[in-house]
Amino acid sequence: MKKRIFSGLLLAAAVCFLVSVEAKGGLFGSKGKSDKSGKSSKSIKSSNFHKGKLLLSVDFEPNVPLKYNFVCERQITLDLDPSGGSSKEGKNDGGVQNITEKLEMEMVYKPVEIAPYGYSIIEAMCNSVKVTRASRGQDRSDAVESAAGKSFTLKITPTGKIVDYSSLEKLVAALGEKAFAGNSGKGRIKGQDMIMDFVATQWYIWDSVASIKNPSKGLKKDQKWNSQLLAPMPFVSRTGRDVEYKFTDVADSNGVSLAEITSSYKLSKSMPAAPFPYTGSFHMRGTFGFLRDYRVLSIEGSGRQLYDIEKGLIKSDTQQYKVKAVASIFGLGSGAIEPSIEINQTITMTLAE
């Protein structure tokens, strides 16, 4: 019988529930303790609802790891002279560059310590990570690939809110150090990397549930709530996305009840809480080191998540958004030419079954 992290806490809060549990099975319906007959407590589907409202939890089974595949991909269109002012007769002579970069990663999450009424410890292991790029003169290697074989732990509440990121922060800092090839006469040089994409997937992994206000009261259909996510960029940036979540429906998929949570994004006015991998002053190699003074003008997009209500886990999550930004060319001054950057970003998370 599955050991549920959160269902007991929710049931304790929703005292009007009609539930049936074994005397020694635990209010949360765990298999940790059973009576002398060997019968464990029963799982009750109605425990996920309170007065018609949906109760969501983040649950793990003892000694049962969860494997997820993550893909972060962005298509970048860089126009070095969108006005055509520096080209002959106003024509653009090859000033547009198309760049694609893609991160593919396999992560495994395993419960180390489960405390239904307190903090649980989850170990995350990066089984594999690969970055591919399609562009002119871009780095082939990527510092984030050194995360393969590395692990970190997260301390979470029953709702999936992470309260201790210190282990993840140490790994992110180590990845940041790997991004520097060494010093030159001009100082430290940083290669192109997708470390912030790694951070975006791990730091906010359960944000849709963790950010629910008053989770013990449950969610009603079409209920909305707000949070903030990271928006990774191909250039050095700490940019946030304001997100509005919406519980839209409960769908049945081969007898499995899935909560559908949609999301919409816009540019945040404040920096996200996620850690910054780099320290000190440095220059960046490649196309995005040639530019400077980046300004993100807008972010627009949406997402959709399917959440297994009974098992308390994410089945799939897709986030898509478009970024519009501008920059200046190093050495030409801020008013000479203003290159434009358009980014189409997709982030997906899929349970491997």
Protein backbone atom coordinates (compact mmCIF):
# COMPACT_ATOMS: atom_id res chain seq x y z
CA MET A 1 0.00 0.00 0.00
CA LYS A 2 1.33 3.34 -0.95
CA LYS A 3 2.57 5.69 1.71
CA ARG A 4 0.96 9.05 1.01
CA ILE A 5 2.76 12.16 2.18
CA PHE A 6 -0.11 14.59 2.24
CA SER A 7 -3.49 12.89 2.33
CA GLY A 8 -3.52 12.49 6.10
CA LEU A 9 -2.69 16.13 6.69
CA LEU A 10 -5.51 17.18 4.41
CA LEU A 11 -7.93 14.78 6.07
CA ALA A 12 -7.00 16.12 9.46
CA ALA A 13 -7.85 19.60 8.25
CA ALA A 14 -11.07 18.54 6.54
CA VAL A 15 -12.75 17.06 9.61
CA CYS A 16 -16.08 16.71 7.88
CA PHE A 17 -14.76 13.88 5.68
CA LEU A 18 -16.22 10.44 6.08
CA VAL A 19 -13.21 8.16 5.99
CA SER A 20 -12.36 4.62 6.94
CA VAL A 21 -8.91 3.70 8.17
CA GLU A 22 -7.45 0.85 10.15
CA ALA A 23 -6.72 1.61 13.79
CA LYS A 24 -2.99 1.27 13.31
CA GLY A 25 -2.78 2.18 9.63
CA GLY A 26 -2.28 5.89 10.24
CA LEU A 27 -4.65 8.68 9.32
CA PHE A 28 -2.67 9.30 6.15
CA GLY A 29 -3.29 5.73 4.97
CA SER A 30 0.29 4.47 5.05
CA LYS A 31 1.58 0.97 5.05
CA GLY A 32 4.16 1.81 7.64
CA LYS A 33 2.10 0.27 10.47
CA SER A 34 -0.47 -2.51 10.27
CA ASP A 35 -2.58 -4.43 12.73
CA LYS A 36 -1.84 -7.97 13.85
CA SER A 37 -3.92 -9.43 11.04
CA GLY A 38 -1.51 -7.82 8.57
CA LYS A 39 -4.20 -5.63 7.03
CA SER A 40 -3.11 -2.15 6.11
CA SER A 41 -5.27 0.95 5.89
CA LYS A 42 -7.46 1.39 2.83
CA SER A 43 -7.04 4.08 0.21
CA ILE A 44 -10.23 6.06 -0.33
CA LYS A 45 -10.69 8.05 -3.53
CA SER A 46 -13.15 10.44 -1.89
CA SER A 47 -10.31 11.58 0.36
CA ASN A 48 -9.07 13.69 -2.55
CA PHE A 49 -12.19 15.86 -2.43
CA HIS A 50 -13.69 18.09 0.23
CA LYS A 51 -17.22 19.40 -0.36
CA GLY A 52 -16.68 18.99 -4.09
CA LYS A 53 -13.26 20.69 -4.00
CA LEU A 54 -10.10 18.96 -5.14
CA LEU A 55 -7.28 18.28 -2.68
CA LEU A 56 -3.85 17.89 -4.28
CA SER A 57 -0.77 16.42 -2.65
CA VAL A 58 2.80 15.46 -3.56
CA ASP A 59 3.18 11.77 -2.70
CA PHE A 60 5.88 9.13 -2.88
CA GLU A 61 5.81 5.37 -2.29
CA PRO A 62 8.55 4.04 -0.01
CA ASN A 63 11.52 2.75 -2.00
CA VAL A 64 9.79 3.49 -5.31
CA PRO A 65 11.69 6.04 -7.45
CA LEU A 66 9.98 8.26 -10.03
CA LYS A 67 11.74 8.81 -13.34
CA TYR A 68 11.08 11.92 -15.44
CA ASN A 69 12.30 13.10 -18.82
CA PHE A 70 12.85 16.84 -19.23
CA VAL A 71 13.31 18.71 -22.50
CA CYS A 72 14.13 22.42 -22.73
CA GLU A 73 14.29 23.77 -26.25
CA ARG A 74 14.43 27.28 -27.67
CA GLN A 75 14.48 28.66 -31.17
CA ILE A 76 16.17 32.04 -31.32
CA THR A 77 15.96 34.62 -34.08
CA LEU A 78 18.62 37.30 -33.75
CA ASP A 79 18.38 40.33 -36.03
CA LEU A 80 21.51 42.42 -35.69
CA ASP A 81 20.04 45.36 -37.64
CA PRO A 82 16.22 45.18 -37.62
CA SER A 83 15.87 48.75 -38.92
CA GLY A 84 18.21 48.12 -41.85
CA GLY A 85 19.86 51.45 -41.13
CA SER A 86 23.43 50.16 -41.47
CA SER A 87 22.78 48.16 -44.67
CA LYS A 88 23.01 49.46 -48.19
CA GLU A 89 19.70 50.90 -49.37
CA GLY A 90 18.13 49.68 -46.16
CA LYS A 91 18.53 46.00 -47.06
CA ASN A 92 19.45 43.39 -44.51
CA ASP A 93 22.65 41.69 -45.73
CA GLY A 94 22.68 38.50 -43.67
CA GLY A 95 22.04 40.22 -40.37
CA VAL A 96 19.51 37.60 -39.23
CA GLN A 97 20.76 34.52 -37.39
CA ASN A 98 18.70 31.48 -36.39
CA ILE A 99 19.93 29.55 -33.37
CA THR A 100 18.47 26.43 -31.76
CA GLU A 101 19.55 24.87 -28.48
CA LYS A 102 18.07 21.87 -26.74
CA LEU A 103 18.58 20.26 -23.32
CA GLU A 104 17.46 16.64 -22.80
CA MET A 105 17.68 15.26 -19.28
CA GLU A 106 16.60 12.19 -17.31
CA MET A 107 16.02 12.66 -13.58
CA VAL A 108 15.07 10.12 -10.90
CA TYR A 109 13.43 11.15 -7.60
CA LYS A 110 13.58 8.79 -4.64
CA PRO A 111 12.14 9.33 -1.15
CA VAL A 112 14.83 9.11 1.52
CA GLU A 113 12.68 10.11 4.47
CA ILE A 114 8.89 10.50 4.53
CA ALA A 115 7.21 12.53 7.27
CA PRO A 116 3.48 12.97 6.53
CA TYR A 117 3.07 15.70 9.15
CA GLY A 118 6.43 17.38 8.65
CA TYR A 119 9.28 17.60 6.18
CA SER A 120 10.22 14.81 3.79
CA ILE A 121 13.61 14.34 2.12
CA ILE A 122 13.73 13.54 -1.59
CA GLU A 123 16.91 12.57 -3.41
CA ALA A 124 17.16 13.66 -7.05
CA MET A 125 19.65 11.91 -9.33
CA CYS A 126 20.57 13.16 -12.79
CA ASN A 127 20.96 10.01 -14.86
CA SER A 128 21.81 11.75 -18.11
CA VAL A 129 21.90 15.19 -19.72
CA LYS A 130 22.67 16.21 -23.28
CA VAL A 131 22.76 19.59 -25.02
CA THR A 132 22.60 20.04 -28.78
CA ARG A 133 22.89 23.27 -30.76
CA ALA A 134 22.32 24.27 -34.36
CA SER A 135 23.98 27.60 -35.14
CA ARG A 136 27.11 29.20 -36.49
CA GLY A 137 30.18 29.23 -34.27
CA GLN A 138 28.48 28.04 -31.08
CA ASP A 139 30.12 25.98 -28.34
CA ARG A 140 29.68 22.23 -28.75
CA SER A 141 30.22 21.36 -25.08
CA ASP A 142 27.99 22.62 -22.29
CA ALA A 143 28.76 22.90 -18.58
CA VAL A 144 25.33 21.57 -17.60
CA GLU A 145 26.28 18.18 -19.05
CA SER A 146 28.59 17.71 -16.06
CA ALA A 147 25.43 17.25 -13.94
CA ALA A 148 25.17 13.68 -15.24
CA GLY A 149 25.76 11.25 -12.38
CA LYS A 150 25.32 13.99 -9.76
CA SER A 151 22.59 14.06 -7.12
CA PHE A 152 21.06 16.52 -4.68
CA THR A 153 18.41 16.41 -1.96
CA LEU A 154 15.31 18.51 -1.42
CA LYS A 155 13.42 18.97 1.83
CA ILE A 156 9.73 19.42 1.07
CA THR A 157 6.46 20.02 2.87
CA PRO A 158 3.43 17.73 2.32
CA THR A 159 2.29 20.11 -0.46
CA GLY A 160 5.61 19.88 -2.32
CA LYS A 161 6.93 23.26 -1.20
CA ILE A 162 10.71 23.07 -1.04
CA VAL A 163 12.04 24.49 2.23
CA ASP A 164 15.72 23.52 1.89
CA TYR A 165 17.44 24.05 -1.47
CA SER A 166 21.00 24.05 -0.10
CA SER A 167 22.05 20.80 -1.77
CA LEU A 168 20.68 21.97 -5.14
CA GLU A 169 22.36 25.37 -4.70
CA LYS A 170 25.74 23.66 -4.23
CA LEU A 171 25.29 21.68 -7.44
CA VAL A 172 24.22 24.78 -9.38
CA ALA A 173 27.33 26.64 -8.14
CA ALA A 174 29.54 23.73 -9.21
CA LEU A 175 27.95 23.74 -12.67
CA GLY A 176 28.54 27.48 -12.87
CA GLU A 177 32.26 27.00 -12.25
CA LYS A 178 32.38 24.47 -15.10
CA ALA A 179 31.08 27.15 -17.48
CA PHE A 180 34.42 29.01 -17.41
CA ALA A 181 37.15 27.77 -19.73
CA GLY A 182 39.80 29.84 -17.98
CA ASN A 183 41.23 33.31 -17.82
CA SER A 184 42.57 35.36 -20.71
CA GLY A 185 44.08 38.81 -21.05
CA LYS A 186 40.53 40.17 -20.96
CA GLY A 187 39.52 38.30 -17.80
CA ARG A 188 37.29 35.28 -17.20
CA ILE A 189 35.52 33.87 -20.27
CA LYS A 190 32.24 31.99 -19.90
CA GLY A 191 31.08 29.51 -22.50
CA GLN A 192 27.48 29.15 -23.62
CA ASP A 193 25.45 26.90 -21.33
CA MET A 194 21.91 25.84 -20.38
CA ILE A 195 22.42 25.78 -16.62
CA MET A 196 19.49 28.11 -16.01
CA ASP A 197 17.23 25.68 -17.87
CA PHE A 198 18.33 22.99 -15.42
CA VAL A 199 17.52 25.35 -12.55
CA ALA A 200 14.12 26.21 -14.03
CA THR A 201 13.08 22.55 -14.10
CA GLN A 202 14.36 21.56 -10.64
CA TRP A 203 13.84 24.64 -8.45
CA TYR A 204 10.17 24.93 -9.39
CA ILE A 205 9.36 21.28 -10.03
CA TRP A 206 6.20 21.11 -7.85
CA ASP A 207 5.32 24.81 -8.01
CA SER A 208 1.81 24.29 -9.41
CA VAL A 209 0.76 22.48 -6.21
CA ALA A 210 3.17 24.11 -3.75
CA SER A 211 1.91 27.62 -4.60
CA ILE A 212 -1.76 26.87 -3.87
CA LYS A 213 -3.02 29.16 -1.12
CA ASN A 214 -4.78 27.34 1.74
CA PRO A 215 -4.36 23.89 0.13
CA SER A 216 -6.41 22.11 2.83
CA LYS A 217 -9.51 23.97 1.60
CA GLY A 218 -9.17 22.38 -1.82
CA LEU A 219 -9.61 23.73 -5.33
CA LYS A 220 -12.89 24.40 -7.08
CA LYS A 221 -13.22 24.25 -10.84
CA ASP A 222 -11.80 27.32 -12.64
CA GLN A 223 -10.05 28.50 -9.46
CA LYS A 224 -6.90 30.54 -10.14
CA TRP A 225 -3.75 31.26 -8.13
CA ASN A 226 -0.45 33.03 -8.79
CA SER A 227 3.24 32.33 -8.50
CA GLN A 228 6.56 33.12 -10.18
CA LEU A 229 8.78 30.94 -12.37
CA LEU A 230 12.21 31.36 -13.93
CA ALA A 231 12.52 32.24 -17.62
CA PRO A 232 15.89 30.88 -18.81
CA MET A 233 17.54 32.86 -21.61
CA PRO A 234 20.37 32.17 -24.09
CA PHE A 235 22.21 35.18 -22.63
CA VAL A 236 23.16 35.87 -19.01
CA SER A 237 19.98 36.96 -17.28
CA ARG A 238 17.86 36.53 -14.16
CA THR A 239 14.42 36.96 -15.65
CA GLY A 240 11.18 35.86 -14.03
CA ARG A 241 7.79 34.82 -15.36
CA ASP A 242 4.66 35.72 -13.46
CA VAL A 243 2.40 32.70 -13.75
CA GLU A 244 -1.33 32.37 -13.22
CA TYR A 245 -2.45 28.77 -12.65
CA LYS A 246 -6.01 27.58 -13.23
CA PHE A 247 -7.63 24.29 -12.23
CA THR A 248 -9.76 23.61 -15.30
CA ASP A 249 -11.12 20.08 -14.97
CA VAL A 250 -10.72 16.46 -13.90
CA ALA A 251 -10.36 14.03 -16.78
CA ASP A 252 -10.45 10.25 -16.82
CA SER A 253 -7.62 8.45 -18.64
CA ASN A 254 -8.02 4.66 -18.62
CA GLY A 255 -9.55 4.78 -15.15
CA VAL A 256 -7.00 7.28 -13.81
CA SER A 257 -8.30 10.65 -12.58
CA LEU A 258 -6.12 13.47 -13.86
CA ALA A 259 -6.41 17.10 -12.77
CA GLU A 260 -5.80 19.52 -15.61
CA ILE A 261 -3.97 22.67 -14.54
CA THR A 262 -3.39 25.34 -17.17
CA SER A 263 -1.06 28.32 -16.81
CA SER A 264 -0.39 31.65 -18.48
CA TYR A 265 2.82 33.70 -18.34
CA LYS A 266 3.94 37.29 -18.53
CA LEU A 267 7.15 39.16 -17.78
CA SER A 268 7.79 39.59 -14.08
CA LYS A 269 8.92 42.92 -12.65
CA SER A 270 11.02 41.23 -9.96
CA MET A 271 13.91 38.78 -10.12
CA PRO A 272 13.10 35.13 -9.34
CA ALA A 273 14.34 33.47 -6.17
CA ALA A 274 16.28 30.80 -8.06
CA PRO A 275 20.07 30.82 -7.61
CA PHE A 276 22.44 32.47 -10.08
CA PRO A 277 25.20 30.02 -11.15
CA TYR A 278 27.95 32.58 -11.79
CA THR A 279 30.02 34.81 -9.55
CA GLY A 280 32.38 37.69 -10.16
CA SER A 281 32.95 39.58 -13.41
CA PHE A 282 33.38 37.81 -16.73
CA HIS A 283 32.90 37.98 -20.48
CA MET A 284 30.80 35.59 -22.54
CA ARG A 285 32.09 33.70 -25.55
CA GLY A 286 30.18 33.57 -28.84
CA THR A 287 27.37 35.59 -30.37
CA PHE A 288 25.78 36.58 -27.08
CA GLY A 289 29.11 37.81 -25.77
CA PHE A 290 29.33 40.13 -28.76
CA LEU A 291 26.14 41.84 -27.57
CA ARG A 292 25.48 43.67 -24.30
CA ASP A 293 22.83 45.64 -22.37
CA TYR A 294 20.13 43.02 -22.84
CA ARG A 295 16.56 44.10 -22.09
CA VAL A 296 13.66 41.69 -22.04
CA LEU A 297 10.59 43.55 -23.32
CA SER A 298 7.88 40.93 -23.00
CA ILE A 299 7.04 37.32 -22.23
CA GLU A 300 3.80 35.72 -23.39
CA GLY A 301 2.80 32.08 -23.24
CA SER A 302 0.82 29.29 -21.67
CA GLY A 303 1.16 25.80 -20.25
CA ARG A 304 -0.75 22.64 -19.37
CA GLN A 305 -0.13 20.09 -16.65
CA LEU A 306 -1.81 16.74 -16.01
CA TYR A 307 -1.69 15.68 -12.36
CA ASP A 308 -2.48 12.17 -11.12
CA ILE A 309 -4.84 12.88 -8.23
CA GLU A 310 -4.67 9.51 -6.48
CA LYS A 311 -0.92 8.95 -6.80
CA GLY A 312 -0.08 12.58 -6.05
CA LEU A 313 2.34 13.09 -8.93
CA ILE A 314 2.81 15.00 -12.17
CA LYS A 315 2.08 12.92 -15.26
CA SER A 316 3.13 15.57 -17.76
CA ASP A 317 3.80 19.28 -17.94
CA THR A 318 4.30 21.55 -20.95
CA GLN A 319 5.26 25.22 -20.84
CA GLN A 320 5.55 27.35 -23.97
CA TYR A 321 6.27 31.06 -24.24
CA LYS A 322 7.67 33.72 -26.55
CA VAL A 323 10.25 36.30 -25.47
CA LYS A 324 10.99 39.60 -27.16
CA ALA A 325 14.24 41.31 -26.20
CA VAL A 326 16.71 43.90 -27.48
CA ALA A 327 20.42 44.50 -26.96
CA SER A 328 23.27 46.72 -28.13
CA ILE A 329 26.43 45.82 -30.02
CA PHE A 330 29.61 46.02 -28.00
CA GLY A 331 31.65 49.10 -28.94
CA LEU A 332 28.99 50.86 -31.00
CA GLY A 333 27.16 52.66 -28.21
CA SER A 334 23.61 52.20 -27.02
CA GLY A 335 21.93 54.35 -29.69
CA ALA A 336 23.73 53.17 -32.82
CA ILE A 337 22.07 49.83 -33.61
CA GLU A 338 19.59 47.92 -31.45
CA PRO A 339 19.56 44.21 -32.34
CA SER A 340 16.29 42.40 -31.70
CA ILE A 341 15.97 38.92 -30.22
CA GLU A 342 12.91 36.68 -30.43
CA ILE A 343 12.90 33.43 -28.45
CA ASN A 344 10.37 30.61 -28.66
CA GLN A 345 10.89 28.45 -25.57
CA THR A 346 9.39 25.08 -24.68
CA ILE A 347 9.89 23.21 -21.39
CA THR A 348 8.42 19.73 -20.95
CA MET A 349 8.38 17.23 -18.10
CA THR A 350 7.08 13.69 -18.70
CA LEU A 351 6.77 10.76 -16.32
CA ALA A 352 8.63 7.73 -17.72
CA GLU A 353 6.43 4.69 -17.23
